[in-house]
Amino acid sequence: MKPFPTLTKQGQILRVRRLAEKALCDFGIEDAALVPLEHMANTTFRVETADGGRYVMRIEAPTSSTALPPRTEDQVRSLLNEEALEKAWAEGKAMSLEQAIKYALES
């Protein structure tokens, strides 16, 4: 397997796409369409599920400046109290797809 930095931009997107597909399967989301939105330091996809769900997924590339390792959902949940988690979830669900994309690209 070629080292990631030596791949073309399209090759990098395809490799990250496989990771995104695996992550979706790990969360029980299958048959989702992944549409690349942006690929720079991070890669962002629009996710459209078979049941009509529309989400944004950002895959963060590890770099030497990454302060913290990637976190699992359980680790993130453990950092928030239930009220904060419910508030953040509700805010995310209330966003339009366009707002979610803009938020993901700016974060």
Foldseek 3Di string as FASTA:
>chain_A
DDPLVVDDQVVNVVVVVVVVQVVCVVVVFPPWDWAWDDDDQKTKTWIAGPVGDTAIDIGHHDDPPDPDDDDDPVVVCVVDDPVVVVVVVVVRVPDDNVRRVVVVVVD
